[in-house]
PDB file of N, CA and C in Angstrom:
ATOM      1  N   UNK A   1     165.449 175.869  13.902  1.00  0.00           N
ATOM      2  CA  UNK A   1     166.629 175.403  13.725  1.00  0.00           C
ATOM      3  C   UNK A   1     167.864 175.558  14.880  1.00  0.00           C
ATOM      4  N   UNK A   2     168.462 174.674  14.948  1.00  0.00           N
ATOM      5  CA  UNK A   2     169.499 174.766  16.097  1.00  0.00           C
ATOM      6  C   UNK A   2     170.893 175.273  15.492  1.00  0.00           C
ATOM      7  N   UNK A   3     171.570 175.872  16.191  1.00  0.00           N
ATOM      8  CA  UNK A   3     172.909 176.261  16.025  1.00  0.00           C
ATOM      9  C   UNK A   3     173.942 175.130  16.158  1.00  0.00           C
ATOM     10  N   UNK A   4     174.565 174.873  15.294  1.00  0.00           N
ATOM     11  CA  UNK A   4     175.564 173.755  15.281  1.00  0.00           C
ATOM     12  C   UNK A   4     176.969 174.295  15.267  1.00  0.00           C
ATOM     13  N   UNK A   5     177.642 173.947  16.315  1.00  0.00           N
ATOM     14  CA  UNK A   5     179.098 174.313  16.455  1.00  0.00           C
ATOM     15  C   UNK A   5     179.942 173.443  15.354  1.00  0.00           C
ATOM     16  N   UNK A   6     180.677 174.211  14.471  1.00  0.00           N
ATOM     17  CA  UNK A   6     181.586 173.544  13.713  1.00  0.00           C
ATOM     18  C   UNK A   6     183.077 174.154  14.043  1.00  0.00           C
ATOM     19  N   UNK A   7     184.050 173.255  13.966  1.00  0.00           N
ATOM     20  CA  UNK A   7     185.439 173.854  14.442  1.00  0.00           C
ATOM     21  C   UNK A   7     185.959 174.872  13.235  1.00  0.00           C
ATOM     22  N   UNK A   8     185.630 174.578  11.896  1.00  0.00           N
ATOM     23  CA  UNK A   8     186.000 175.379  10.960  1.00  0.00           C
ATOM     24  C   UNK A   8     185.518 176.948  11.089  1.00  0.00           C
ATOM     25  N   UNK A   9     184.282 177.184  11.830  1.00  0.00           N
ATOM     26  CA  UNK A   9     183.827 178.373  12.078  1.00  0.00           C
ATOM     27  C   UNK A   9     184.547 179.045  13.170  1.00  0.00           C
ATOM     28  N   UNK A  10     185.003 178.457  14.154  1.00  0.00           N
ATOM     29  CA  UNK A  10     185.765 179.118  15.171  1.00  0.00           C
ATOM     30  C   UNK A  10     187.133 179.582  14.590  1.00  0.00           C
ATOM     31  N   UNK A  11     187.687 178.763  13.706  1.00  0.00           N
ATOM     32  CA  UNK A  11     188.868 179.318  13.062  1.00  0.00           C
ATOM     33  C   UNK A  11     188.727 180.328  12.134  1.00  0.00           C
ATOM     34  N   UNK A  12     187.653 180.376  11.305  1.00  0.00           N
ATOM     35  CA  UNK A  12     187.318 181.510  10.396  1.00  0.00           C
ATOM     36  C   UNK A  12     187.006 182.869  11.422  1.00  0.00           C
ATOM     37  N   UNK A  13     186.364 182.657  12.508  1.00  0.00           N
ATOM     38  CA  UNK A  13     185.971 183.791  13.409  1.00  0.00           C
ATOM     39  C   UNK A  13     187.307 184.545  13.963  1.00  0.00           C
ATOM     40  N   UNK A  14     188.171 183.480  14.459  1.00  0.00           N
ATOM     41  CA  UNK A  14     189.550 183.997  15.096  1.00  0.00           C
ATOM     42  C   UNK A  14     190.444 184.549  13.862  1.00  0.00           C
ATOM     43  N   UNK A  15     190.372 183.995  12.884  1.00  0.00           N
ATOM     44  CA  UNK A  15     191.104 184.640  11.726  1.00  0.00           C
ATOM     45  C   UNK A  15     190.649 185.964  11.286  1.00  0.00           C
ATOM     46  N   UNK A  16     189.406 186.065  11.168  1.00  0.00           N
ATOM     47  CA  UNK A  16     188.622 187.432  10.790  1.00  0.00           C
ATOM     48  C   UNK A  16     189.104 188.349  11.966  1.00  0.00           C
ATOM     49  N   UNK A  17     189.002 188.086  13.223  1.00  0.00           N
ATOM     50  CA  UNK A  17     189.306 189.007  14.502  1.00  0.00           C
ATOM     51  C   UNK A  17     190.831 189.271  14.398  1.00  0.00           C
ATOM     52  N   UNK A  18     191.638 188.319  14.204  1.00  0.00           N
ATOM     53  CA  UNK A  18     193.090 188.691  14.072  1.00  0.00           C
ATOM     54  C   UNK A  18     193.366 189.671  12.937  1.00  0.00           C
ATOM     55  N   UNK A  19     192.847 189.467  11.583  1.00  0.00           N
ATOM     56  CA  UNK A  19     193.008 190.465  10.623  1.00  0.00           C
ATOM     57  C   UNK A  19     192.454 191.883  10.818  1.00  0.00           C
ATOM     58  N   UNK A  20     191.429 191.964  11.499  1.00  0.00           N
ATOM     59  CA  UNK A  20     190.706 193.087  11.815  1.00  0.00           C
ATOM     60  C   UNK A  20     191.753 193.908  12.865  1.00  0.00           C
ATOM     61  N   UNK A  21     192.208 193.044  13.842  1.00  0.00           N
ATOM     62  CA  UNK A  21     193.246 193.604  14.827  1.00  0.00           C
ATOM     63  C   UNK A  21     194.495 194.174  14.245  1.00  0.00           C
ATOM     64  N   UNK A  22     194.907 193.404  13.129  1.00  0.00           N
ATOM     65  CA  UNK A  22     196.195 193.903  12.454  1.00  0.00           C
ATOM     66  C   UNK A  22     196.048 195.301  11.525  1.00  0.00           C
ATOM     67  N   UNK A  23     194.770 195.294  10.900  1.00  0.00           N
ATOM     68  CA  UNK A  23     194.465 196.383  10.193  1.00  0.00           C
ATOM     69  C   UNK A  23     194.539 197.632  11.030  1.00  0.00           C
ATOM     70  N   UNK A  24     193.962 197.625  12.187  1.00  0.00           N
ATOM     71  CA  UNK A  24     193.946 198.850  13.146  1.00  0.00           C
ATOM     72  C   UNK A  24     195.238 199.056  13.550  1.00  0.00           C
ATOM     73  N   UNK A  25     196.213 198.564  13.635  1.00  0.00           N
ATOM     74  CA  UNK A  25     197.582 198.726  14.338  1.00  0.00           C
ATOM     75  C   UNK A  25     198.479 199.549  13.489  1.00  0.00           C
ATOM     76  N   UNK A  26     198.063 200.003  12.358  1.00  0.00           N
ATOM     77  CA  UNK A  26     199.206 200.764  11.477  1.00  0.00           C
ATOM     78  C   UNK A  26     199.250 202.199  11.910  1.00  0.00           C
ATOM     79  N   UNK A  27     200.014 202.987  11.259  1.00  0.00           N
ATOM     80  CA  UNK A  27     200.186 204.429  11.630  1.00  0.00           C
ATOM     81  C   UNK A  27     199.174 205.137  10.756  1.00  0.00           C
ATOM     82  N   UNK A  28     198.734 206.197  11.339  1.00  0.00           N
ATOM     83  CA  UNK A  28     197.827 207.051  10.817  1.00  0.00           C
ATOM     84  C   UNK A  28     198.361 207.969   9.638  1.00  0.00           C
ATOM     85  N   UNK A  29     197.651 208.495   8.866  1.00  0.00           N
ATOM     86  CA  UNK A  29     198.192 209.538   7.774  1.00  0.00           C
ATOM     87  C   UNK A  29     199.150 210.519   8.410  1.00  0.00           C
ATOM     88  N   UNK A  30     200.391 210.757   7.822  1.00  0.00           N
ATOM     89  CA  UNK A  30     201.290 211.510   8.586  1.00  0.00           C
ATOM     90  C   UNK A  30     201.648 212.947   7.580  1.00  0.00           C
ATOM     91  N   UNK A  31     202.161 214.081   8.091  1.00  0.00           N
ATOM     92  CA  UNK A  31     202.440 214.960   7.482  1.00  0.00           C
ATOM     93  C   UNK A  31     203.444 214.889   6.299  1.00  0.00           C
ATOM     94  N   UNK A  32     203.666 215.785   5.421  1.00  0.00           N
ATOM     95  CA  UNK A  32     204.673 215.482   4.374  1.00  0.00           C
ATOM     96  C   UNK A  32     206.015 215.629   4.915  1.00  0.00           C
ATOM     97  N   UNK A  33     206.246 216.356   5.844  1.00  0.00           N
ATOM     98  CA  UNK A  33     207.474 216.430   6.732  1.00  0.00           C
ATOM     99  C   UNK A  33     207.776 215.167   7.538  1.00  0.00           C
ATOM    100  N   UNK A  34     206.850 214.560   8.091  1.00  0.00           N
ATOM    101  CA  UNK A  34     207.070 213.210   8.736  1.00  0.00           C
ATOM    102  C   UNK A  34     207.452 212.137   7.661  1.00  0.00           C
ATOM    103  N   UNK A  35     206.878 212.276   6.521  1.00  0.00           N
ATOM    104  CA  UNK A  35     207.043 211.198   5.565  1.00  0.00           C
ATOM    105  C   UNK A  35     208.470 211.399   4.963  1.00  0.00           C
ATOM    106  N   UNK A  36     208.954 212.691   4.874  1.00  0.00           N
ATOM    107  CA  UNK A  36     210.357 212.790   4.207  1.00  0.00           C
ATOM    108  C   UNK A  36     211.360 212.682   5.244  1.00  0.00           C
ATOM    109  N   UNK A  37     211.136 212.813   6.740  1.00  0.00           N
ATOM    110  CA  UNK A  37     211.799 212.328   7.658  1.00  0.00           C
ATOM    111  C   UNK A  37     212.152 210.843   7.789  1.00  0.00           C
ATOM    112  N   UNK A  38     210.934 210.161   7.606  1.00  0.00           N
ATOM    113  CA  UNK A  38     210.747 208.787   7.632  1.00  0.00           C
ATOM    114  C   UNK A  38     211.723 208.227   6.505  1.00  0.00           C
ATOM    115  N   UNK A  39     211.650 208.709   5.415  1.00  0.00           N
ATOM    116  CA  UNK A  39     212.492 208.232   4.135  1.00  0.00           C
ATOM    117  C   UNK A  39     214.058 208.497   4.550  1.00  0.00           C
ATOM    118  N   UNK A  40     214.615 209.567   5.136  1.00  0.00           N
ATOM    119  CA  UNK A  40     215.853 209.816   5.609  1.00  0.00           C
ATOM    120  C   UNK A  40     216.280 208.861   6.754  1.00  0.00           C
ATOM    121  N   UNK A  41     215.323 208.543   7.673  1.00  0.00           N
ATOM    122  CA  UNK A  41     215.717 207.689   8.902  1.00  0.00           C
ATOM    123  C   UNK A  41     215.726 206.233   8.316  1.00  0.00           C
ATOM    124  N   UNK A  42     214.820 205.966   7.425  1.00  0.00           N
ATOM    125  CA  UNK A  42     214.796 204.412   6.730  1.00  0.00           C
ATOM    126  C   UNK A  42     216.159 204.195   6.038  1.00  0.00           C
ATOM    127  N   UNK A  43     216.709 205.246   5.378  1.00  0.00           N
ATOM    128  CA  UNK A  43     217.809 205.221   4.656  1.00  0.00           C
ATOM    129  C   UNK A  43     219.128 204.826   5.600  1.00  0.00           C
ATOM    130  N   UNK A  44     219.173 205.700   6.581  1.00  0.00           N
ATOM    131  CA  UNK A  44     220.234 205.497   7.650  1.00  0.00           C
ATOM    132  C   UNK A  44     220.094 204.231   8.411  1.00  0.00           C
ATOM    133  N   UNK A  45     218.724 203.792   8.657  1.00  0.00           N
ATOM    134  CA  UNK A  45     218.670 202.427   9.539  1.00  0.00           C
ATOM    135  C   UNK A  45     219.153 201.347   8.559  1.00  0.00           C
ATOM    136  N   UNK A  46     218.527 201.415   7.354  1.00  0.00           N
ATOM    137  CA  UNK A  46     218.916 200.404   6.256  1.00  0.00           C
ATOM    138  C   UNK A  46     220.443 200.163   5.989  1.00  0.00           C
ATOM    139  N   UNK A  47     221.078 201.315   6.336  1.00  0.00           N
ATOM    140  CA  UNK A  47     222.590 201.402   6.035  1.00  0.00           C
ATOM    141  C   UNK A  47     223.359 201.198   7.136  1.00  0.00           C
ATOM    142  N   UNK A  48     222.581 201.083   8.426  1.00  0.00           N
ATOM    143  CA  UNK A  48     223.025 201.031   9.758  1.00  0.00           C
ATOM    144  C   UNK A  48     224.167 201.980  10.130  1.00  0.00           C
ATOM    145  N   UNK A  49     223.614 203.484   9.711  1.00  0.00           N
ATOM    146  CA  UNK A  49     224.519 204.358   9.748  1.00  0.00           C
ATOM    147  C   UNK A  49     224.149 205.349  11.010  1.00  0.00           C
ATOM    148  N   UNK A  50     225.108 204.885  12.085  1.00  0.00           N
ATOM    149  CA  UNK A  50     224.923 205.608  13.276  1.00  0.00           C
ATOM    150  C   UNK A  50     225.214 207.014  13.209  1.00  0.00           C
ATOM    151  N   UNK A  51     226.232 207.298  12.246  1.00  0.00           N
ATOM    152  CA  UNK A  51     226.781 208.581  12.254  1.00  0.00           C
ATOM    153  C   UNK A  51     225.646 209.690  11.765  1.00  0.00           C
ATOM    154  N   UNK A  52     224.672 209.220  11.091  1.00  0.00           N
ATOM    155  CA  UNK A  52     223.534 209.931  10.446  1.00  0.00           C
ATOM    156  C   UNK A  52     222.444 210.186  11.537  1.00  0.00           C
ATOM    157  N   UNK A  53     222.479 209.430  12.499  1.00  0.00           N
ATOM    158  CA  UNK A  53     221.198 209.772  13.393  1.00  0.00           C
ATOM    159  C   UNK A  53     221.210 211.001  14.064  1.00  0.00           C
ATOM    160  N   UNK A  54     222.172 211.528  14.655  1.00  0.00           N
ATOM    161  CA  UNK A  54     222.192 212.910  15.288  1.00  0.00           C
ATOM    162  C   UNK A  54     221.751 213.908  14.413  1.00  0.00           C
ATOM    163  N   UNK A  55     221.886 213.820  13.159  1.00  0.00           N
ATOM    164  CA  UNK A  55     221.463 215.106  12.151  1.00  0.00           C
ATOM    165  C   UNK A  55     219.930 214.718  12.056  1.00  0.00           C
ATOM    166  N   UNK A  56     219.646 213.411  11.866  1.00  0.00           N
ATOM    167  CA  UNK A  56     218.137 213.105  11.663  1.00  0.00           C
ATOM    168  C   UNK A  56     217.239 213.725  13.113  1.00  0.00           C
ATOM    169  N   UNK A  57     218.132 213.321  14.186  1.00  0.00           N
ATOM    170  CA  UNK A  57     217.379 213.782  15.513  1.00  0.00           C
ATOM    171  C   UNK A  57     217.182 215.374  15.576  1.00  0.00           C
ATOM    172  N   UNK A  58     218.247 215.987  15.183  1.00  0.00           N
ATOM    173  CA  UNK A  58     218.094 217.644  14.948  1.00  0.00           C
ATOM    174  C   UNK A  58     217.118 218.033  14.116  1.00  0.00           C
ATOM    175  N   UNK A  59     216.984 217.472  12.886  1.00  0.00           N
ATOM    176  CA  UNK A  59     215.950 217.539  11.919  1.00  0.00           C
ATOM    177  C   UNK A  59     214.451 217.496  12.526  1.00  0.00           C
ATOM    178  N   UNK A  60     214.299 216.266  13.424  1.00  0.00           N
ATOM    179  CA  UNK A  60     213.039 215.983  13.947  1.00  0.00           C
ATOM    180  C   UNK A  60     212.896 217.098  14.925  1.00  0.00           C
ATOM    181  N   UNK A  61     213.742 217.490  15.749  1.00  0.00           N
ATOM    182  CA  UNK A  61     213.654 218.625  16.820  1.00  0.00           C
ATOM    183  C   UNK A  61     213.230 219.808  16.297  1.00  0.00           C
ATOM    184  N   UNK A  62     213.864 220.357  15.094  1.00  0.00           N
ATOM    185  CA  UNK A  62     213.645 221.520  14.369  1.00  0.00           C
ATOM    186  C   UNK A  62     212.456 221.620  13.641  1.00  0.00           C
ATOM    187  N   UNK A  63     211.896 220.544  13.387  1.00  0.00           N
ATOM    188  CA  UNK A  63     210.524 220.384  12.588  1.00  0.00           C
ATOM    189  C   UNK A  63     209.351 220.509  13.636  1.00  0.00           C
ATOM    190  N   UNK A  64     209.807 219.783  14.680  1.00  0.00           N
ATOM    191  CA  UNK A  64     208.817 219.931  15.935  1.00  0.00           C
ATOM    192  C   UNK A  64     208.856 221.562  16.305  1.00  0.00           C
ATOM    193  N   UNK A  65     209.796 222.125  16.364  1.00  0.00           N
ATOM    194  CA  UNK A  65     209.972 223.684  16.749  1.00  0.00           C
ATOM    195  C   UNK A  65     209.243 224.400  15.725  1.00  0.00           C
ATOM    196  N   UNK A  66     209.369 224.160  14.637  1.00  0.00           N
ATOM    197  CA  UNK A  66     208.675 225.138  13.552  1.00  0.00           C
ATOM    198  C   UNK A  66     207.260 224.660  13.351  1.00  0.00           C
ATOM    199  N   UNK A  67     206.640 223.659  13.713  1.00  0.00           N
ATOM    200  CA  UNK A  67     205.438 223.191  13.681  1.00  0.00           C
ATOM    201  C   UNK A  67     205.026 222.388  12.364  1.00  0.00           C
ATOM    202  N   UNK A  68     206.176 222.045  11.747  1.00  0.00           N
ATOM    203  CA  UNK A  68     205.962 221.307  10.387  1.00  0.00           C
ATOM    204  C   UNK A  68     205.809 219.770  10.668  1.00  0.00           C
ATOM    205  N   UNK A  69     206.035 219.359  12.104  1.00  0.00           N
ATOM    206  CA  UNK A  69     205.935 217.868  12.407  1.00  0.00           C
ATOM    207  C   UNK A  69     205.014 218.043  13.729  1.00  0.00           C
ATOM    208  N   UNK A  70     203.934 217.125  13.708  1.00  0.00           N
ATOM    209  CA  UNK A  70     203.077 217.006  14.892  1.00  0.00           C
ATOM    210  C   UNK A  70     203.886 216.213  15.946  1.00  0.00           C
ATOM    211  N   UNK A  71     203.533 216.408  17.191  1.00  0.00           N
ATOM    212  CA  UNK A  71     204.054 215.842  18.460  1.00  0.00           C
ATOM    213  C   UNK A  71     204.029 214.368  18.451  1.00  0.00           C
ATOM    214  N   UNK A  72     202.994 213.658  17.971  1.00  0.00           N
ATOM    215  CA  UNK A  72     202.950 212.337  17.991  1.00  0.00           C
ATOM    216  C   UNK A  72     203.950 211.561  16.722  1.00  0.00           C
ATOM    217  N   UNK A  73     203.949 212.428  15.612  1.00  0.00           N
ATOM    218  CA  UNK A  73     204.827 212.272  14.696  1.00  0.00           C
ATOM    219  C   UNK A  73     206.271 212.013  15.189  1.00  0.00           C
ATOM    220  N   UNK A  74     206.732 213.198  15.820  1.00  0.00           N
ATOM    221  CA  UNK A  74     207.857 213.332  16.345  1.00  0.00           C
ATOM    222  C   UNK A  74     208.384 212.299  17.461  1.00  0.00           C
ATOM    223  N   UNK A  75     207.260 211.769  18.234  1.00  0.00           N
ATOM    224  CA  UNK A  75     207.588 210.810  19.220  1.00  0.00           C
ATOM    225  C   UNK A  75     207.842 209.425  18.508  1.00  0.00           C
ATOM    226  N   UNK A  76     207.206 209.196  17.372  1.00  0.00           N
ATOM    227  CA  UNK A  76     207.418 207.904  16.628  1.00  0.00           C
ATOM    228  C   UNK A  76     208.638 207.944  16.158  1.00  0.00           C
ATOM    229  N   UNK A  77     209.202 209.055  15.484  1.00  0.00           N
ATOM    230  CA  UNK A  77     210.523 209.063  14.765  1.00  0.00           C
ATOM    231  C   UNK A  77     211.448 209.075  15.755  1.00  0.00           C
ATOM    232  N   UNK A  78     211.320 209.822  16.852  1.00  0.00           N
ATOM    233  CA  UNK A  78     212.448 209.588  18.079  1.00  0.00           C
ATOM    234  C   UNK A  78     212.561 208.109  18.399  1.00  0.00           C
ATOM    235  N   UNK A  79     211.431 207.561  18.673  1.00  0.00           N
ATOM    236  CA  UNK A  79     211.613 206.132  19.129  1.00  0.00           C
ATOM    237  C   UNK A  79     212.340 205.299  18.304  1.00  0.00           C
ATOM    238  N   UNK A  80     212.129 205.326  16.819  1.00  0.00           N
ATOM    239  CA  UNK A  80     212.876 204.729  16.078  1.00  0.00           C
ATOM    240  C   UNK A  80     214.204 205.008  15.863  1.00  0.00           C
ATOM    241  N   UNK A  81     214.659 206.444  16.179  1.00  0.00           N
ATOM    242  CA  UNK A  81     216.121 207.016  16.240  1.00  0.00           C
ATOM    243  C   UNK A  81     216.673 206.015  17.510  1.00  0.00           C
ATOM    244  N   UNK A  82     216.072 206.074  18.634  1.00  0.00           N
ATOM    245  CA  UNK A  82     216.456 205.253  19.687  1.00  0.00           C
ATOM    246  C   UNK A  82     216.899 203.882  19.457  1.00  0.00           C
ATOM    247  N   UNK A  83     215.927 203.080  18.766  1.00  0.00           N
ATOM    248  CA  UNK A  83     216.105 201.866  18.268  1.00  0.00           C
ATOM    249  C   UNK A  83     217.457 201.625  17.455  1.00  0.00           C
ATOM    250  N   UNK A  84     217.528 202.771  16.513  1.00  0.00           N
ATOM    251  CA  UNK A  84     218.951 202.534  15.748  1.00  0.00           C
ATOM    252  C   UNK A  84     220.152 202.850  16.762  1.00  0.00           C
ATOM    253  N   UNK A  85     220.071 203.757  17.594  1.00  0.00           N
ATOM    254  CA  UNK A  85     221.100 204.240  18.450  1.00  0.00           C
ATOM    255  C   UNK A  85     221.581 203.050  19.391  1.00  0.00           C
ATOM    256  N   UNK A  86     220.357 202.136  19.920  1.00  0.00           N
ATOM    257  CA  UNK A  86     220.770 200.990  20.383  1.00  0.00           C
ATOM    258  C   UNK A  86     221.211 199.816  19.636  1.00  0.00           C
ATOM    259  N   UNK A  87     221.311 200.006  18.366  1.00  0.00           N
ATOM    260  CA  UNK A  87     221.797 198.897  17.570  1.00  0.00           C
ATOM    261  C   UNK A  87     220.575 198.001  16.993  1.00  0.00           C
ATOM    262  N   UNK A  88     219.554 198.253  17.144  1.00  0.00           N
ATOM    263  CA  UNK A  88     218.364 197.501  16.572  1.00  0.00           C
ATOM    264  C   UNK A  88     218.131 197.993  15.398  1.00  0.00           C
ATOM    265  N   UNK A  89     218.709 197.752  14.389  1.00  0.00           N
ATOM    266  CA  UNK A  89     218.645 198.332  12.982  1.00  0.00           C
ATOM    267  C   UNK A  89     217.627 197.606  12.447  1.00  0.00           C
ATOM    268  N   UNK A  90     217.185 196.452  12.543  1.00  0.00           N
ATOM    269  CA  UNK A  90     216.148 195.802  11.879  1.00  0.00           C
ATOM    270  C   UNK A  90     214.870 196.405  12.333  1.00  0.00           C
ATOM    271  N   UNK A  91     214.535 196.499  13.461  1.00  0.00           N
ATOM    272  CA  UNK A  91     213.352 196.931  14.087  1.00  0.00           C
ATOM    273  C   UNK A  91     213.183 198.513  13.803  1.00  0.00           C
ATOM    274  N   UNK A  92     214.413 199.153  13.674  1.00  0.00           N
ATOM    275  CA  UNK A  92     214.049 200.655  13.305  1.00  0.00           C
ATOM    276  C   UNK A  92     213.711 200.703  11.857  1.00  0.00           C
ATOM    277  N   UNK A  93     214.395 200.031  10.878  1.00  0.00           N
ATOM    278  CA  UNK A  93     214.076 199.995   9.629  1.00  0.00           C
ATOM    279  C   UNK A  93     212.621 199.446   9.402  1.00  0.00           C
ATOM    280  N   UNK A  94     212.307 198.506  10.066  1.00  0.00           N
ATOM    281  CA  UNK A  94     210.847 198.057   9.854  1.00  0.00           C
ATOM    282  C   UNK A  94     209.955 199.005  10.192  1.00  0.00           C
ATOM    283  N   UNK A  95     210.072 199.623  11.437  1.00  0.00           N
ATOM    284  CA  UNK A  95     209.025 200.620  11.721  1.00  0.00           C
ATOM    285  C   UNK A  95     209.115 201.953  10.820  1.00  0.00           C
ATOM    286  N   UNK A  96     210.206 202.115  10.360  1.00  0.00           N
ATOM    287  CA  UNK A  96     210.135 203.462   9.472  1.00  0.00           C
ATOM    288  C   UNK A  96     209.491 203.007   8.175  1.00  0.00           C
ATOM    289  N   UNK A  97     209.855 201.769   7.620  1.00  0.00           N
ATOM    290  CA  UNK A  97     209.086 201.257   6.545  1.00  0.00           C
ATOM    291  C   UNK A  97     207.610 201.081   6.657  1.00  0.00           C
ATOM    292  N   UNK A  98     207.290 200.797   7.941  1.00  0.00           N
ATOM    293  CA  UNK A  98     205.853 200.664   8.218  1.00  0.00           C
ATOM    294  C   UNK A  98     205.003 201.962   8.063  1.00  0.00           C
ATOM    295  N   UNK A  99     205.724 203.082   8.643  1.00  0.00           N
ATOM    296  CA  UNK A  99     205.231 204.336   8.506  1.00  0.00           C
ATOM    297  C   UNK A  99     205.014 204.664   7.081  1.00  0.00           C
ATOM    298  N   UNK A 100     206.102 204.731   6.279  1.00  0.00           N
ATOM    299  CA  UNK A 100     205.840 204.814   4.733  1.00  0.00           C
ATOM    300  C   UNK A 100     204.726 204.002   4.049  1.00  0.00           C
ATOM    301  N   UNK A 101     204.743 202.641   4.397  1.00  0.00           N
ATOM    302  CA  UNK A 101     203.933 201.775   3.767  1.00  0.00           C
ATOM    303  C   UNK A 101     202.490 201.966   4.113  1.00  0.00           C
ATOM    304  N   UNK A 102     202.308 202.457   5.277  1.00  0.00           N
ATOM    305  CA  UNK A 102     200.860 202.929   5.856  1.00  0.00           C
ATOM    306  C   UNK A 102     200.359 204.087   5.134  1.00  0.00           C
ATOM    307  N   UNK A 103     201.155 204.821   4.320  1.00  0.00           N
ATOM    308  CA  UNK A 103     200.561 206.100   3.831  1.00  0.00           C
ATOM    309  C   UNK A 103     200.216 205.701   2.257  1.00  0.00           C
ATOM    310  N   UNK A 104     200.626 204.571   1.655  1.00  0.00           N
ATOM    311  CA  UNK A 104     200.076 204.201   0.318  1.00  0.00           C
ATOM    312  C   UNK A 104     198.555 204.133   0.307  1.00  0.00           C
ATOM    313  N   UNK A 105     198.294 204.965  -0.602  1.00  0.00           N
ATOM    314  CA  UNK A 105     196.765 205.041  -0.957  1.00  0.00           C
ATOM    315  C   UNK A 105     195.942 206.230  -0.237  1.00  0.00           C
ATOM    316  N   UNK A 106     196.602 206.806   0.665  1.00  0.00           N
ATOM    317  CA  UNK A 106     196.065 207.984   1.236  1.00  0.00           C
ATOM    318  C   UNK A 106     196.256 209.374   0.573  1.00  0.00           C
TER     319      UNK A 106
END
C-alpha cells in the first residue's frame, strides 16, 4: 500500500503540533505566595493602578528574602510589574491572569 498525501492531513498535523506547542508554554505550578501575589498584581493591573505597584514590588522582594517565593516566580512577577510600570496594562493583566489560570486543576 502506498502512502498518499492528502492536504487535510497536513492541516491536521500542523494543528496538532500547534496545540501541543501551546500546551507547553504555560506557567508551571506556583507556590501559594506566588498565587497570592499574582491576585494582588492582577487587581492592580486590571485597575491600572500604578500607585499599588511599588507596594507589590516590595512584597515580592520580601517574599524572595524570606523564602516563601521561588526565584523564578519572583522573576515572572517582577517582569509583570515592569509591564505595568511601562503602561502596558493589558499585557500585565493577561500574564498575571495566565499564571492564575494555569494553576486550575493542580
